[in-house]
Amino acid sequence: MRIGMLTGGGDCPGLNAVIRAVVHRADAAGDEVIGFRDGWRGPLKGASRPLHIADVAGILARGGTILGSSRTNPYAQGEGGADAVRATMAAQGVDALVAIGGEDTLGAAARLAAEGVRVVGVPKTIDNDLAATDYTFGFDTAVHIATEAVDRLRTTAESHRRALVCEVMGRHAGWIALHAGMAGGANAIIVPERPFTVGRVCDWVHSCFRNEYAPVIVVSEGAVPDGGGELIAAGGTDAFGHRRLGGVGTWLADEIERETGAESRAVVLGHIQRGGTPTAYDRVLATRFGVQAVAALHDGESGVMVALRGTDIVRVSLDEATAELKTVPTARLDEAEVFFG
């Protein structure tokens, strides 16, 4: 079998571990692997490279992706959709695809599978927001990075008696904010699932100062004030129609200072959360996903995604995997709120 592989959407730690695992598992079975460059752009434009064992040596601990990534949508106007992908696969002798990505990359994979392209998906997103899997690789690393930032911010907040707001990634789901905020002892955690009021945040800020410590607040980029809307950074939309979010952290810090009189600052972690060495957990999970993706192809599967359920790797349909996002439940937010203020 000749297997094509791509990494789409935002990069994250652990992608190279999947690539390495696919190549090793395929090599053991006598398969060949072709790596398509820059997400769906590769199979659309025919940009690829062969991948052998020597090509993946030493990449397990490396962040990013040796194949490159993009937010190319094969169904965007002028891209050609399934016909263009099939034509490239036929020209390069590729029998099936392993598509590694989040909701957008896998949504395109589901549509391609429905139109006859043989494809197996691997879930990747630091946001951990795919409902069909308990965890996605990249999430654990992002939480570790954000937690370390919260720990460091606390020391400088206390030194200057400032309120510090840490903005983390999370467009529609606040998993990074929740986990990093709880692990770092944040004095408030603000997520997209629960609109917030500036007044209540300021109550928590006042409570912290009354108790003789400086507040650190973690906020998801997609969090919205009650009755308001998302804060949009400059720029248009990507190929999947997403606007670039940003600015809620700075806006909230300004509001806190205006309402409380306490000096406030904002720190936006942004792409720092995506970079660097993956944690041991993400390396292991990504490796297991890669091995099981090739196993699914050998079992004749298509239109499925490998997923983590408990400690087992299972297969779910791509339609199920992309049907809805996994958001933070109210009960988890209530647990965290015990420590606010």
C-alpha atoms as a PDB file:
ATOM      1  CA  MET A   1       0.000   0.000   0.000  1.00  0.00           C
ATOM      2  CA  ARG A   2       1.137   3.558  -0.679  1.00  0.00           C
ATOM      3  CA  ILE A   3      -0.031   5.903   2.083  1.00  0.00           C
ATOM      4  CA  GLY A   4      -0.234   9.677   1.773  1.00  0.00           C
ATOM      5  CA  MET A   5      -0.062  11.770   4.934  1.00  0.00           C
ATOM      6  CA  LEU A   6      -0.680  15.452   5.698  1.00  0.00           C
ATOM      7  CA  THR A   7      -0.821  17.787   8.677  1.00  0.00           C
ATOM      8  CA  GLY A   8      -3.402  20.581   8.431  1.00  0.00           C
ATOM      9  CA  GLY A   9      -4.524  23.578  10.461  1.00  0.00           C
ATOM     10  CA  GLY A  10      -2.544  25.130  13.285  1.00  0.00           C
ATOM     11  CA  ASP A  11       0.657  23.346  14.213  1.00  0.00           C
ATOM     12  CA  CYS A  12       1.060  21.796  17.649  1.00  0.00           C
ATOM     13  CA  PRO A  13       3.531  19.691  19.607  1.00  0.00           C
ATOM     14  CA  GLY A  14       3.216  16.008  18.758  1.00  0.00           C
ATOM     15  CA  LEU A  15       2.641  16.217  15.008  1.00  0.00           C
ATOM     16  CA  ASN A  16       6.111  14.879  14.276  1.00  0.00           C
ATOM     17  CA  ALA A  17       5.507  12.000  16.664  1.00  0.00           C
ATOM     18  CA  VAL A  18       2.486  10.958  14.571  1.00  0.00           C
ATOM     19  CA  ILE A  19       4.477  11.261  11.342  1.00  0.00           C
ATOM     20  CA  ARG A  20       7.250   9.109  12.806  1.00  0.00           C
ATOM     21  CA  ALA A  21       4.786   6.478  14.023  1.00  0.00           C
ATOM     22  CA  VAL A  22       3.006   6.234  10.670  1.00  0.00           C
ATOM     23  CA  VAL A  23       6.296   5.775   8.840  1.00  0.00           C
ATOM     24  CA  HIS A  24       7.538   3.093  11.241  1.00  0.00           C
ATOM     25  CA  ARG A  25       4.240   1.175  11.265  1.00  0.00           C
ATOM     26  CA  ALA A  26       3.955   1.375   7.488  1.00  0.00           C
ATOM     27  CA  ASP A  27       7.569   0.297   6.971  1.00  0.00           C
ATOM     28  CA  ALA A  28       7.028  -2.740   9.190  1.00  0.00           C
ATOM     29  CA  ALA A  29       4.135  -3.755   6.939  1.00  0.00           C
ATOM     30  CA  GLY A  30       6.032  -3.168   3.707  1.00  0.00           C
ATOM     31  CA  ASP A  31       4.093  -0.009   2.835  1.00  0.00           C
ATOM     32  CA  GLU A  32       5.412   3.222   1.352  1.00  0.00           C
ATOM     33  CA  VAL A  33       4.626   6.659   2.768  1.00  0.00           C
ATOM     34  CA  ILE A  34       4.337   9.926   0.864  1.00  0.00           C
ATOM     35  CA  GLY A  35       4.201  13.118   2.900  1.00  0.00           C
ATOM     36  CA  PHE A  36       2.055  15.859   1.380  1.00  0.00           C
ATOM     37  CA  ARG A  37       3.344  19.333   2.144  1.00  0.00           C
ATOM     38  CA  ASP A  38       1.436  22.179   3.799  1.00  0.00           C
ATOM     39  CA  GLY A  39      -1.845  20.539   4.715  1.00  0.00           C
ATOM     40  CA  TRP A  40      -4.503  20.060   2.045  1.00  0.00           C
ATOM     41  CA  ARG A  41      -2.457  22.258  -0.285  1.00  0.00           C
ATOM     42  CA  GLY A  42      -0.163  19.267  -0.880  1.00  0.00           C
ATOM     43  CA  PRO A  43      -2.699  16.844  -2.387  1.00  0.00           C
ATOM     44  CA  LEU A  44      -4.364  19.715  -4.232  1.00  0.00           C
ATOM     45  CA  LYS A  45      -1.151  20.909  -5.884  1.00  0.00           C
ATOM     46  CA  GLY A  46       0.838  17.675  -5.980  1.00  0.00           C
ATOM     47  CA  ALA A  47       3.494  18.882  -3.531  1.00  0.00           C
ATOM     48  CA  SER A  48       4.934  15.867  -1.714  1.00  0.00           C
ATOM     49  CA  ARG A  49       8.044  14.073  -0.536  1.00  0.00           C
ATOM     50  CA  PRO A  50       8.765  10.393   0.182  1.00  0.00           C
ATOM     51  CA  LEU A  51       9.169   9.519   3.857  1.00  0.00           C
ATOM     52  CA  HIS A  52      11.510   6.745   4.985  1.00  0.00           C
ATOM     53  CA  ILE A  53      12.766   5.672   8.404  1.00  0.00           C
ATOM     54  CA  ALA A  54      15.842   7.876   8.037  1.00  0.00           C
ATOM     55  CA  ASP A  55      13.645  10.907   7.347  1.00  0.00           C
ATOM     56  CA  VAL A  56      11.888  10.629  10.706  1.00  0.00           C
ATOM     57  CA  ALA A  57      14.911   9.852  12.861  1.00  0.00           C
ATOM     58  CA  GLY A  58      15.209  12.313  15.734  1.00  0.00           C
ATOM     59  CA  ILE A  59      11.866  14.081  15.211  1.00  0.00           C
ATOM     60  CA  LEU A  60       9.932  12.538  18.125  1.00  0.00           C
ATOM     61  CA  ALA A  61      10.754  15.403  20.493  1.00  0.00           C
ATOM     62  CA  ARG A  62      10.609  18.163  17.885  1.00  0.00           C
ATOM     63  CA  GLY A  63       7.672  20.576  17.852  1.00  0.00           C
ATOM     64  CA  GLY A  64       5.877  21.671  14.709  1.00  0.00           C
ATOM     65  CA  THR A  65       5.673  19.442  11.637  1.00  0.00           C
ATOM     66  CA  ILE A  66       8.331  18.461   9.121  1.00  0.00           C
ATOM     67  CA  LEU A  67       5.608  18.383   6.464  1.00  0.00           C
ATOM     68  CA  GLY A  68       4.463  21.956   7.013  1.00  0.00           C
ATOM     69  CA  SER A  69       0.861  22.980   7.536  1.00  0.00           C
ATOM     70  CA  SER A  70      -1.736  25.412   6.262  1.00  0.00           C
ATOM     71  CA  ARG A  71      -5.403  26.273   6.624  1.00  0.00           C
ATOM     72  CA  THR A  72      -6.101  25.379   3.000  1.00  0.00           C
ATOM     73  CA  ASN A  73      -9.654  24.190   2.431  1.00  0.00           C
ATOM     74  CA  PRO A  74      -9.967  21.734  -0.495  1.00  0.00           C
ATOM     75  CA  TYR A  75     -13.582  22.855  -0.917  1.00  0.00           C
ATOM     76  CA  ALA A  76     -12.864  26.577  -1.051  1.00  0.00           C
ATOM     77  CA  GLN A  77     -13.666  28.254  -4.356  1.00  0.00           C
ATOM     78  CA  GLY A  78     -11.186  27.266  -7.046  1.00  0.00           C
ATOM     79  CA  GLU A  79      -9.445  24.494  -5.076  1.00  0.00           C
ATOM     80  CA  GLY A  80     -11.043  21.567  -6.893  1.00  0.00           C
ATOM     81  CA  GLY A  81     -12.328  19.473  -3.975  1.00  0.00           C
ATOM     82  CA  ALA A  82     -12.365  15.680  -4.164  1.00  0.00           C
ATOM     83  CA  ASP A  83     -11.605  15.601  -7.894  1.00  0.00           C
ATOM     84  CA  ALA A  84      -8.301  17.441  -7.426  1.00  0.00           C
ATOM     85  CA  VAL A  85      -7.304  15.268  -4.477  1.00  0.00           C
ATOM     86  CA  ARG A  86      -8.162  12.062  -6.339  1.00  0.00           C
ATOM     87  CA  ALA A  87      -6.208  13.205  -9.389  1.00  0.00           C
ATOM     88  CA  THR A  88      -3.067  13.820  -7.326  1.00  0.00           C
ATOM     89  CA  MET A  89      -3.436  10.502  -5.514  1.00  0.00           C
ATOM     90  CA  ALA A  90      -3.781   8.665  -8.825  1.00  0.00           C
ATOM     91  CA  ALA A  91      -0.802  10.487 -10.345  1.00  0.00           C
ATOM     92  CA  GLN A  92       1.404   9.625  -7.370  1.00  0.00           C
ATOM     93  CA  GLY A  93       0.073   6.121  -6.841  1.00  0.00           C
ATOM     94  CA  VAL A  94      -1.333   6.900  -3.400  1.00  0.00           C
ATOM     95  CA  ASP A  95      -3.958   4.421  -2.205  1.00  0.00           C
ATOM     96  CA  ALA A  96      -5.148   6.158   0.970  1.00  0.00           C
ATOM     97  CA  LEU A  97      -4.601   9.238   3.125  1.00  0.00           C
ATOM     98  CA  VAL A  98      -3.849   9.807   6.796  1.00  0.00           C
ATOM     99  CA  ALA A  99      -5.135  13.311   7.586  1.00  0.00           C
ATOM    100  CA  ILE A 100      -3.866  14.784  10.864  1.00  0.00           C
ATOM    101  CA  GLY A 101      -5.753  17.846  12.066  1.00  0.00           C
ATOM    102  CA  GLY A 102      -8.560  19.440  13.999  1.00  0.00           C
ATOM    103  CA  GLU A 103     -12.206  20.147  13.228  1.00  0.00           C
ATOM    104  CA  ASP A 104     -11.552  21.900   9.913  1.00  0.00           C
ATOM    105  CA  THR A 105      -8.974  19.482   8.500  1.00  0.00           C
ATOM    106  CA  LEU A 106     -11.043  16.489   9.596  1.00  0.00           C
ATOM    107  CA  GLY A 107     -14.264  18.097   8.403  1.00  0.00           C
ATOM    108  CA  ALA A 108     -12.743  18.266   4.938  1.00  0.00           C
ATOM    109  CA  ALA A 109     -11.561  14.667   5.345  1.00  0.00           C
ATOM    110  CA  ALA A 110     -15.105  13.549   6.202  1.00  0.00           C
ATOM    111  CA  ARG A 111     -16.454  15.244   3.101  1.00  0.00           C
ATOM    112  CA  LEU A 112     -13.737  13.676   0.927  1.00  0.00           C
ATOM    113  CA  ALA A 113     -14.467  10.235   2.389  1.00  0.00           C
ATOM    114  CA  ALA A 114     -18.138  10.648   1.513  1.00  0.00           C
ATOM    115  CA  GLU A 115     -17.060  11.348  -2.068  1.00  0.00           C
ATOM    116  CA  GLY A 116     -14.957   8.217  -2.357  1.00  0.00           C
ATOM    117  CA  VAL A 117     -11.494   9.274  -1.189  1.00  0.00           C
ATOM    118  CA  ARG A 118     -10.029   6.693   1.175  1.00  0.00           C
ATOM    119  CA  VAL A 119      -8.957   8.546   4.316  1.00  0.00           C
ATOM    120  CA  VAL A 120      -8.362   7.964   8.039  1.00  0.00           C
ATOM    121  CA  GLY A 121      -8.175  10.895  10.450  1.00  0.00           C
ATOM    122  CA  VAL A 122      -5.952  11.597  13.436  1.00  0.00           C
ATOM    123  CA  PRO A 123      -7.225  14.219  15.924  1.00  0.00           C
ATOM    124  CA  LYS A 124      -4.922  17.147  16.581  1.00  0.00           C
ATOM    125  CA  THR A 125      -5.759  20.362  18.408  1.00  0.00           C
ATOM    126  CA  ILE A 126      -4.323  22.115  21.426  1.00  0.00           C
ATOM    127  CA  ASP A 127      -7.891  23.207  22.269  1.00  0.00           C
ATOM    128  CA  ASN A 128      -8.954  19.601  23.096  1.00  0.00           C
ATOM    129  CA  ASP A 129     -12.370  20.403  21.648  1.00  0.00           C
ATOM    130  CA  LEU A 130     -13.149  17.318  19.522  1.00  0.00           C
ATOM    131  CA  ALA A 131     -16.056  15.559  21.208  1.00  0.00           C
ATOM    132  CA  ALA A 132     -15.272  12.080  19.881  1.00  0.00           C
ATOM    133  CA  THR A 133     -11.964  11.726  21.744  1.00  0.00           C
ATOM    134  CA  ASP A 134     -11.170  12.159  25.432  1.00  0.00           C
ATOM    135  CA  TYR A 135      -7.932  13.992  24.654  1.00  0.00           C
ATOM    136  CA  THR A 136      -6.098  15.309  21.633  1.00  0.00           C
ATOM    137  CA  PHE A 137      -2.320  15.472  21.531  1.00  0.00           C
ATOM    138  CA  GLY A 138      -0.914  18.985  21.850  1.00  0.00           C
ATOM    139  CA  PHE A 139      -3.345  19.892  24.611  1.00  0.00           C
ATOM    140  CA  ASP A 140      -1.161  18.631  27.451  1.00  0.00           C
ATOM    141  CA  THR A 141       1.844  20.571  26.171  1.00  0.00           C
ATOM    142  CA  ALA A 142      -0.181  23.767  25.733  1.00  0.00           C
ATOM    143  CA  VAL A 143      -1.508  23.458  29.298  1.00  0.00           C
ATOM    144  CA  HIS A 144       2.011  22.975  30.662  1.00  0.00           C
ATOM    145  CA  ILE A 145       3.228  26.078  28.832  1.00  0.00           C
ATOM    146  CA  ALA A 146       0.268  28.166  30.016  1.00  0.00           C
ATOM    147  CA  THR A 147       0.602  26.901  33.591  1.00  0.00           C
ATOM    148  CA  GLU A 148       4.260  27.877  33.707  1.00  0.00           C
ATOM    149  CA  ALA A 149       3.305  31.325  32.436  1.00  0.00           C
ATOM    150  CA  VAL A 150       0.691  31.686  35.196  1.00  0.00           C
ATOM    151  CA  ASP A 151       3.272  30.643  37.811  1.00  0.00           C
ATOM    152  CA  ARG A 152       5.721  33.245  36.525  1.00  0.00           C
ATOM    153  CA  LEU A 153       3.082  35.950  36.296  1.00  0.00           C
ATOM    154  CA  ARG A 154       2.100  35.419  39.910  1.00  0.00           C
ATOM    155  CA  THR A 155       5.548  36.285  41.220  1.00  0.00           C
ATOM    156  CA  THR A 156       5.687  39.577  39.338  1.00  0.00           C
ATOM    157  CA  ALA A 157       2.059  40.396  40.162  1.00  0.00           C
ATOM    158  CA  GLU A 158       2.787  40.016  43.867  1.00  0.00           C
ATOM    159  CA  SER A 159       6.011  42.016  43.617  1.00  0.00           C
ATOM    160  CA  HIS A 160       4.182  45.016  42.140  1.00  0.00           C
ATOM    161  CA  ARG A 161       0.711  44.412  43.582  1.00  0.00           C
ATOM    162  CA  ARG A 162      -0.757  44.424  40.114  1.00  0.00           C
ATOM    163  CA  ALA A 163      -3.672  42.556  38.578  1.00  0.00           C
ATOM    164  CA  LEU A 164      -2.386  40.433  35.698  1.00  0.00           C
ATOM    165  CA  VAL A 165      -4.544  38.956  32.952  1.00  0.00           C
ATOM    166  CA  CYS A 166      -3.194  36.013  30.949  1.00  0.00           C
ATOM    167  CA  GLU A 167      -4.926  35.429  27.602  1.00  0.00           C
ATOM    168  CA  VAL A 168      -4.661  31.866  26.280  1.00  0.00           C
ATOM    169  CA  MET A 169      -5.976  30.161  23.168  1.00  0.00           C
ATOM    170  CA  GLY A 170      -9.508  28.785  23.013  1.00  0.00           C
ATOM    171  CA  ARG A 171     -11.908  30.040  20.346  1.00  0.00           C
ATOM    172  CA  HIS A 172     -15.067  28.199  21.404  1.00  0.00           C
ATOM    173  CA  ALA A 173     -13.840  25.927  24.206  1.00  0.00           C
ATOM    174  CA  GLY A 174     -12.042  26.953  27.381  1.00  0.00           C
ATOM    175  CA  TRP A 175     -10.156  23.754  28.180  1.00  0.00           C
ATOM    176  CA  ILE A 176      -6.688  25.345  28.160  1.00  0.00           C
ATOM    177  CA  ALA A 177      -7.843  28.206  30.379  1.00  0.00           C
ATOM    178  CA  LEU A 178      -9.598  25.822  32.768  1.00  0.00           C
ATOM    179  CA  HIS A 179      -6.702  23.404  33.193  1.00  0.00           C
ATOM    180  CA  ALA A 180      -3.912  25.989  33.249  1.00  0.00           C
ATOM    181  CA  GLY A 181      -5.915  28.253  35.528  1.00  0.00           C
ATOM    182  CA  MET A 182      -6.641  25.480  38.031  1.00  0.00           C
ATOM    183  CA  ALA A 183      -3.076  24.163  37.898  1.00  0.00           C
ATOM    184  CA  GLY A 184      -1.667  27.658  38.374  1.00  0.00           C
ATOM    185  CA  GLY A 185      -4.096  28.697  41.096  1.00  0.00           C
ATOM    186  CA  ALA A 186      -5.674  31.479  39.040  1.00  0.00           C
ATOM    187  CA  ASN A 187      -7.977  33.818  40.919  1.00  0.00           C
ATOM    188  CA  ALA A 188     -10.473  33.815  38.049  1.00  0.00           C
ATOM    189  CA  ILE A 189     -10.872  31.719  34.918  1.00  0.00           C
ATOM    190  CA  ILE A 190     -12.954  33.154  32.087  1.00  0.00           C
ATOM    191  CA  VAL A 191     -14.000  30.917  29.213  1.00  0.00           C
ATOM    192  CA  PRO A 192     -16.260  31.125  26.118  1.00  0.00           C
ATOM    193  CA  GLU A 193     -18.810  28.755  27.658  1.00  0.00           C
ATOM    194  CA  ARG A 194     -19.810  31.244  30.373  1.00  0.00           C
ATOM    195  CA  PRO A 195     -20.210  34.962  29.537  1.00  0.00           C
ATOM    196  CA  PHE A 196     -18.666  37.192  32.182  1.00  0.00           C
ATOM    197  CA  THR A 197     -19.359  40.601  33.652  1.00  0.00           C
ATOM    198  CA  VAL A 198     -16.628  43.083  34.405  1.00  0.00           C
ATOM    199  CA  GLY A 199     -18.305  43.841  37.720  1.00  0.00           C
ATOM    200  CA  ARG A 200     -17.985  40.262  38.949  1.00  0.00           C
ATOM    201  CA  VAL A 201     -14.372  40.033  37.817  1.00  0.00           C
ATOM    202  CA  CYS A 202     -13.642  43.246  39.706  1.00  0.00           C
ATOM    203  CA  ASP A 203     -15.284  41.777  42.818  1.00  0.00           C
ATOM    204  CA  TRP A 204     -12.789  38.910  42.650  1.00  0.00           C
ATOM    205  CA  VAL A 205      -9.948  41.403  42.145  1.00  0.00           C
ATOM    206  CA  HIS A 206     -11.014  43.408  45.218  1.00  0.00           C
ATOM    207  CA  SER A 207     -11.258  40.187  47.241  1.00  0.00           C
ATOM    208  CA  CYS A 208      -7.693  39.241  46.320  1.00  0.00           C
ATOM    209  CA  PHE A 209      -6.280  42.603  47.358  1.00  0.00           C
ATOM    210  CA  ARG A 210      -8.235  42.519  50.626  1.00  0.00           C
ATOM    211  CA  ASN A 211      -6.637  39.162  51.365  1.00  0.00           C
ATOM    212  CA  GLU A 212      -3.171  40.608  50.685  1.00  0.00           C
ATOM    213  CA  TYR A 213      -2.322  38.948  47.404  1.00  0.00           C
ATOM    214  CA  ALA A 214      -2.325  40.081  43.804  1.00  0.00           C
ATOM    215  CA  PRO A 215      -4.840  38.545  41.378  1.00  0.00           C
ATOM    216  CA  VAL A 216      -3.921  36.556  38.294  1.00  0.00           C
ATOM    217  CA  ILE A 217      -6.775  35.988  35.831  1.00  0.00           C
ATOM    218  CA  VAL A 218      -6.734  33.489  32.953  1.00  0.00           C
ATOM    219  CA  VAL A 219      -9.028  34.233  30.010  1.00  0.00           C
ATOM    220  CA  SER A 220      -9.684  32.345  26.771  1.00  0.00           C
ATOM    221  CA  GLU A 221      -9.320  34.361  23.569  1.00  0.00           C
ATOM    222  CA  GLY A 222     -12.943  33.536  22.686  1.00  0.00           C
ATOM    223  CA  ALA A 223     -14.456  34.664  26.002  1.00  0.00           C
ATOM    224  CA  VAL A 224     -17.245  37.207  25.673  1.00  0.00           C
ATOM    225  CA  PRO A 225     -18.643  39.769  28.132  1.00  0.00           C
ATOM    226  CA  ASP A 226     -22.292  39.284  29.028  1.00  0.00           C
ATOM    227  CA  GLY A 227     -24.344  40.871  26.261  1.00  0.00           C
ATOM    228  CA  GLY A 228     -21.295  41.490  24.105  1.00  0.00           C
ATOM    229  CA  GLY A 229     -19.449  39.660  21.359  1.00  0.00           C
ATOM    230  CA  GLU A 230     -16.049  38.228  20.521  1.00  0.00           C
ATOM    231  CA  LEU A 231     -13.134  40.626  20.219  1.00  0.00           C
ATOM    232  CA  ILE A 232     -11.740  40.383  16.701  1.00  0.00           C
ATOM    233  CA  ALA A 233      -8.110  41.045  15.824  1.00  0.00           C
ATOM    234  CA  ALA A 234      -7.224  42.879  12.621  1.00  0.00           C
ATOM    235  CA  GLY A 235      -7.535  40.836   9.449  1.00  0.00           C
ATOM    236  CA  GLY A 236     -10.144  38.889   7.542  1.00  0.00           C
ATOM    237  CA  THR A 237     -11.186  35.259   7.725  1.00  0.00           C
ATOM    238  CA  ASP A 238      -9.310  32.068   6.894  1.00  0.00           C
ATOM    239  CA  ALA A 239     -10.303  29.493   4.266  1.00  0.00           C
ATOM    240  CA  PHE A 240     -12.752  27.915   6.705  1.00  0.00           C
ATOM    241  CA  GLY A 241     -14.437  31.218   7.557  1.00  0.00           C
ATOM    242  CA  HIS A 242     -12.863  31.753  10.988  1.00  0.00           C
ATOM    243  CA  ARG A 243     -12.094  35.273  12.113  1.00  0.00           C
ATOM    244  CA  ARG A 244      -8.833  35.860  13.975  1.00  0.00           C
ATOM    245  CA  LEU A 245      -9.638  36.491  17.623  1.00  0.00           C
ATOM    246  CA  GLY A 246      -7.562  38.520  20.032  1.00  0.00           C
ATOM    247  CA  GLY A 247      -7.659  41.397  22.449  1.00  0.00           C
ATOM    248  CA  VAL A 248      -9.984  40.254  25.215  1.00  0.00           C
ATOM    249  CA  GLY A 249      -7.088  40.064  27.691  1.00  0.00           C
ATOM    250  CA  THR A 250      -5.963  43.634  27.053  1.00  0.00           C
ATOM    251  CA  TRP A 251      -9.544  44.894  27.052  1.00  0.00           C
ATOM    252  CA  LEU A 252     -10.266  43.196  30.375  1.00  0.00           C
ATOM    253  CA  ALA A 253      -7.074  44.480  32.000  1.00  0.00           C
ATOM    254  CA  ASP A 254      -7.998  48.035  30.978  1.00  0.00           C
ATOM    255  CA  GLU A 255     -11.510  47.590  32.398  1.00  0.00           C
ATOM    256  CA  ILE A 256     -10.154  46.232  35.685  1.00  0.00           C
ATOM    257  CA  GLU A 257      -7.813  49.182  36.086  1.00  0.00           C
ATOM    258  CA  ARG A 258     -10.569  51.649  35.227  1.00  0.00           C
ATOM    259  CA  GLU A 259     -13.069  50.095  37.646  1.00  0.00           C
ATOM    260  CA  THR A 260     -10.778  49.246  40.583  1.00  0.00           C
ATOM    261  CA  GLY A 261      -7.927  51.710  40.286  1.00  0.00           C
ATOM    262  CA  ALA A 262      -5.479  48.817  40.593  1.00  0.00           C
ATOM    263  CA  GLU A 263      -2.633  48.782  38.109  1.00  0.00           C
ATOM    264  CA  SER A 264      -3.391  46.012  35.606  1.00  0.00           C
ATOM    265  CA  ARG A 265      -1.474  44.412  32.779  1.00  0.00           C
ATOM    266  CA  ALA A 266      -2.253  41.783  30.140  1.00  0.00           C
ATOM    267  CA  VAL A 267      -0.060  39.066  28.675  1.00  0.00           C
ATOM    268  CA  VAL A 268      -1.120  37.261  25.482  1.00  0.00           C
ATOM    269  CA  LEU A 269       0.556  33.853  25.143  1.00  0.00           C
ATOM    270  CA  GLY A 270      -0.604  33.324  21.556  1.00  0.00           C
ATOM    271  CA  HIS A 271       1.512  30.970  19.485  1.00  0.00           C
ATOM    272  CA  ILE A 272       3.926  30.285  22.343  1.00  0.00           C
ATOM    273  CA  GLN A 273       1.371  27.657  23.374  1.00  0.00           C
ATOM    274  CA  ARG A 274       1.781  25.833  20.055  1.00  0.00           C
ATOM    275  CA  GLY A 275       5.561  25.656  19.984  1.00  0.00           C
ATOM    276  CA  GLY A 276       8.397  23.736  21.529  1.00  0.00           C
ATOM    277  CA  THR A 277       8.977  20.227  22.770  1.00  0.00           C
ATOM    278  CA  PRO A 278       5.900  18.044  23.342  1.00  0.00           C
ATOM    279  CA  THR A 279       5.348  16.544  26.785  1.00  0.00           C
ATOM    280  CA  ALA A 280       5.861  12.833  27.341  1.00  0.00           C
ATOM    281  CA  TYR A 281       2.070  12.379  27.441  1.00  0.00           C
ATOM    282  CA  ASP A 282       1.606  14.024  24.036  1.00  0.00           C
ATOM    283  CA  ARG A 283       4.467  12.044  22.504  1.00  0.00           C
ATOM    284  CA  VAL A 284       2.954   8.749  23.645  1.00  0.00           C
ATOM    285  CA  LEU A 285      -0.603   9.639  22.600  1.00  0.00           C
ATOM    286  CA  ALA A 286       0.523  10.925  19.194  1.00  0.00           C
ATOM    287  CA  THR A 287       2.600   7.797  18.634  1.00  0.00           C
ATOM    288  CA  ARG A 288      -0.323   5.508  19.492  1.00  0.00           C
ATOM    289  CA  PHE A 289      -2.609   7.463  17.153  1.00  0.00           C
ATOM    290  CA  GLY A 290      -0.129   7.120  14.288  1.00  0.00           C
ATOM    291  CA  VAL A 291       0.272   3.380  14.743  1.00  0.00           C
ATOM    292  CA  GLN A 292      -3.471   2.818  14.951  1.00  0.00           C
ATOM    293  CA  ALA A 293      -4.213   5.008  11.911  1.00  0.00           C
ATOM    294  CA  VAL A 294      -2.130   2.686   9.737  1.00  0.00           C
ATOM    295  CA  ALA A 295      -3.768  -0.341  11.381  1.00  0.00           C
ATOM    296  CA  ALA A 296      -7.170   1.084  10.417  1.00  0.00           C
ATOM    297  CA  LEU A 297      -6.081   1.371   6.791  1.00  0.00           C
ATOM    298  CA  HIS A 298      -4.861  -2.231   6.831  1.00  0.00           C
ATOM    299  CA  ASP A 299      -8.264  -3.262   8.121  1.00  0.00           C
ATOM    300  CA  GLY A 300      -9.853  -1.642   5.076  1.00  0.00           C
ATOM    301  CA  GLU A 301     -11.302   1.313   6.997  1.00  0.00           C
ATOM    302  CA  SER A 302     -12.106   4.717   5.526  1.00  0.00           C
ATOM    303  CA  GLY A 303     -13.985   7.721   6.808  1.00  0.00           C
ATOM    304  CA  VAL A 304     -12.936   7.012  10.395  1.00  0.00           C
ATOM    305  CA  MET A 305     -10.830   8.774  12.999  1.00  0.00           C
ATOM    306  CA  VAL A 306      -8.725   7.169  15.711  1.00  0.00           C
ATOM    307  CA  ALA A 307      -9.751   8.407  19.159  1.00  0.00           C
ATOM    308  CA  LEU A 308      -8.835   7.985  22.821  1.00  0.00           C
ATOM    309  CA  ARG A 309     -11.549   6.540  25.055  1.00  0.00           C
ATOM    310  CA  GLY A 310     -10.266   5.956  28.561  1.00  0.00           C
ATOM    311  CA  THR A 311      -6.887   4.363  27.874  1.00  0.00           C
ATOM    312  CA  ASP A 312      -7.931   2.615  24.640  1.00  0.00           C
ATOM    313  CA  ILE A 313      -7.559   3.794  21.059  1.00  0.00           C
ATOM    314  CA  VAL A 314     -10.834   3.255  19.207  1.00  0.00           C
ATOM    315  CA  ARG A 315     -12.236   4.180  15.791  1.00  0.00           C
ATOM    316  CA  VAL A 316     -15.127   6.559  15.284  1.00  0.00           C
ATOM    317  CA  SER A 317     -16.662   7.888  12.089  1.00  0.00           C
ATOM    318  CA  LEU A 318     -15.329  11.195  10.842  1.00  0.00           C
ATOM    319  CA  ASP A 319     -18.907  12.440  10.715  1.00  0.00           C
ATOM    320  CA  GLU A 320     -19.279  11.746  14.441  1.00  0.00           C
ATOM    321  CA  ALA A 321     -15.854  13.184  15.177  1.00  0.00           C
ATOM    322  CA  THR A 322     -16.679  16.522  13.557  1.00  0.00           C
ATOM    323  CA  ALA A 323     -20.379  16.754  14.431  1.00  0.00           C
ATOM    324  CA  GLU A 324     -19.937  18.940  17.507  1.00  0.00           C
ATOM    325  CA  LEU A 325     -17.299  20.561  19.647  1.00  0.00           C
ATOM    326  CA  LYS A 326     -16.466  19.389  23.142  1.00  0.00           C
ATOM    327  CA  THR A 327     -16.977  22.363  25.435  1.00  0.00           C
ATOM    328  CA  VAL A 328     -16.308  22.794  29.150  1.00  0.00           C
ATOM    329  CA  PRO A 329     -19.274  21.528  31.223  1.00  0.00           C
ATOM    330  CA  THR A 330     -20.903  23.793  33.786  1.00  0.00           C
ATOM    331  CA  ALA A 331     -19.913  21.403  36.578  1.00  0.00           C
ATOM    332  CA  ARG A 332     -16.225  21.831  35.762  1.00  0.00           C
ATOM    333  CA  LEU A 333     -16.566  25.610  35.847  1.00  0.00           C
ATOM    334  CA  ASP A 334     -18.349  25.423  39.198  1.00  0.00           C
ATOM    335  CA  GLU A 335     -15.455  23.368  40.610  1.00  0.00           C
ATOM    336  CA  ALA A 336     -12.952  25.983  39.508  1.00  0.00           C
ATOM    337  CA  GLU A 337     -15.001  28.913  40.817  1.00  0.00           C
ATOM    338  CA  VAL A 338     -14.504  27.702  44.401  1.00  0.00           C
ATOM    339  CA  PHE A 339     -11.026  29.222  44.185  1.00  0.00           C
ATOM    340  CA  PHE A 340     -11.903  32.569  42.582  1.00  0.00           C
ATOM    341  CA  GLY A 341     -11.176  35.805  44.396  1.00  0.00           C
END
